[in-house]
Amino acid sequence: MLFMVIERFKHGDSKAIGERFQKSGRMLPEGVAYHASWLDPAGTLCYQLMEASHQELLDPWVSRWTDLMDFEIVPVLTSADFWAKAGSTNKVDRD
């Protein structure tokens, strides 16, 4: 499964986050894969695309950063996967 992780930097403080990342890396647990990330121009939000077999695998990673960030985790599908499922559902509905 894919997850869009929205990180809101507490107090807008990206410096502490950058320092920890430089020292310790992303600190992902086994079974979680990082795909890409984007930051807002102000440097107060980060959007990360992660992959794991289930959302609970992200919990240890979140706990390693929760003192510096608030997290929102949203399960997502690629557009291709969404439309493939929607197409198969629509086809079933028409039969």
Protein backbone atom coordinates (compact mmCIF):
# COMPACT_ATOMS: atom_id res chain seq x y z
CA MET A 1 0.00 0.00 0.00
CA LEU A 2 1.04 3.57 -0.65
CA PHE A 3 0.73 6.31 1.95
CA MET A 4 0.99 10.07 1.58
CA VAL A 5 2.53 11.24 4.83
CA ILE A 6 1.98 14.90 5.63
CA GLU A 7 4.42 16.19 8.21
CA ARG A 8 3.76 19.51 9.92
CA PHE A 9 6.92 20.83 11.54
CA LYS A 10 6.24 21.86 15.12
CA HIS A 11 6.81 25.59 15.56
CA GLY A 12 7.80 25.73 11.87
CA ASP A 13 11.25 24.50 12.95
CA SER A 14 12.98 22.74 10.08
CA LYS A 15 16.47 23.21 11.57
CA ALA A 16 16.08 20.53 14.26
CA ILE A 17 14.57 18.14 11.72
CA GLY A 18 17.43 18.71 9.29
CA GLU A 19 20.00 18.15 12.03
CA ARG A 20 18.43 14.85 13.12
CA PHE A 21 18.12 13.69 9.52
CA GLN A 22 21.80 14.49 8.86
CA LYS A 23 22.83 12.60 12.01
CA SER A 24 20.49 9.58 11.87
CA GLY A 25 18.93 9.44 8.40
CA ARG A 26 15.25 8.75 7.81
CA MET A 27 15.14 5.97 10.47
CA LEU A 28 12.59 3.82 8.64
CA PRO A 29 11.66 0.47 10.14
CA GLU A 30 11.96 -2.74 8.17
CA GLY A 31 9.08 -3.16 5.76
CA VAL A 32 8.67 0.56 5.00
CA ALA A 33 9.97 2.02 1.74
CA TYR A 34 10.48 5.71 1.02
CA HIS A 35 9.63 6.81 -2.55
CA ALA A 36 9.80 10.62 -2.71
CA SER A 37 9.24 13.82 -0.75
CA TRP A 38 8.34 17.45 -1.34
CA LEU A 39 8.50 20.49 0.94
CA ASP A 40 6.41 23.62 0.85
CA PRO A 41 8.36 26.81 0.00
CA ALA A 42 8.19 28.01 3.63
CA GLY A 43 9.81 24.80 4.88
CA THR A 44 7.06 24.02 7.39
CA LEU A 45 5.40 21.05 5.66
CA CYS A 46 6.79 17.91 4.09
CA TYR A 47 4.86 15.45 1.92
CA GLN A 48 6.36 11.98 1.69
CA LEU A 49 5.24 9.01 -0.35
CA MET A 50 5.84 5.80 1.58
CA GLU A 51 5.03 2.17 0.90
CA ALA A 52 4.26 -0.58 3.42
CA SER A 53 2.06 -3.65 3.54
CA HIS A 54 -0.08 -1.96 6.22
CA GLN A 55 -0.19 1.41 7.95
CA GLU A 56 0.83 0.13 11.38
CA LEU A 57 4.34 -0.49 10.04
CA LEU A 58 4.77 3.30 9.94
CA ASP A 59 4.17 3.64 13.69
CA PRO A 60 7.79 3.09 14.86
CA TRP A 61 9.02 5.66 12.34
CA VAL A 62 6.41 8.22 13.42
CA SER A 63 7.36 7.68 17.07
CA ARG A 64 11.00 8.55 16.24
CA TRP A 65 9.97 11.97 14.89
CA THR A 66 6.81 12.92 16.78
CA ASP A 67 8.69 15.29 19.10
CA LEU A 68 9.50 17.46 16.07
CA MET A 69 6.53 16.88 13.75
CA ASP A 70 2.82 16.17 13.67
CA PHE A 71 1.79 13.51 11.18
CA GLU A 72 -1.20 12.87 8.96
CA ILE A 73 -1.08 9.56 7.08
CA VAL A 74 -3.39 9.09 4.11
CA PRO A 75 -3.65 5.80 2.18
CA VAL A 76 -3.44 6.58 -1.55
CA LEU A 77 -3.61 4.80 -4.90
CA THR A 78 -1.81 5.70 -8.08
CA SER A 79 -4.14 7.13 -10.70
CA ALA A 80 -3.67 4.01 -12.81
CA ASP A 81 -4.61 1.72 -9.91
CA PHE A 82 -7.63 3.84 -9.01
CA TRP A 83 -8.99 3.94 -12.53
CA ALA A 84 -8.30 0.23 -13.08
CA LYS A 85 -10.36 -0.57 -9.99
CA ALA A 86 -13.06 1.94 -10.95
CA GLY A 87 -13.19 0.50 -14.45
CA SER A 88 -13.56 -3.06 -13.21
CA THR A 89 -16.22 -1.97 -10.73
CA ASN A 90 -18.11 -0.06 -13.40
CA LYS A 91 -17.94 -3.05 -15.70
CA VAL A 92 -19.38 -5.31 -13.00
CA ASP A 93 -22.12 -2.76 -12.33
CA ARG A 94 -23.13 -2.75 -16.00
CA ASP A 95 -23.36 -6.56 -16.28
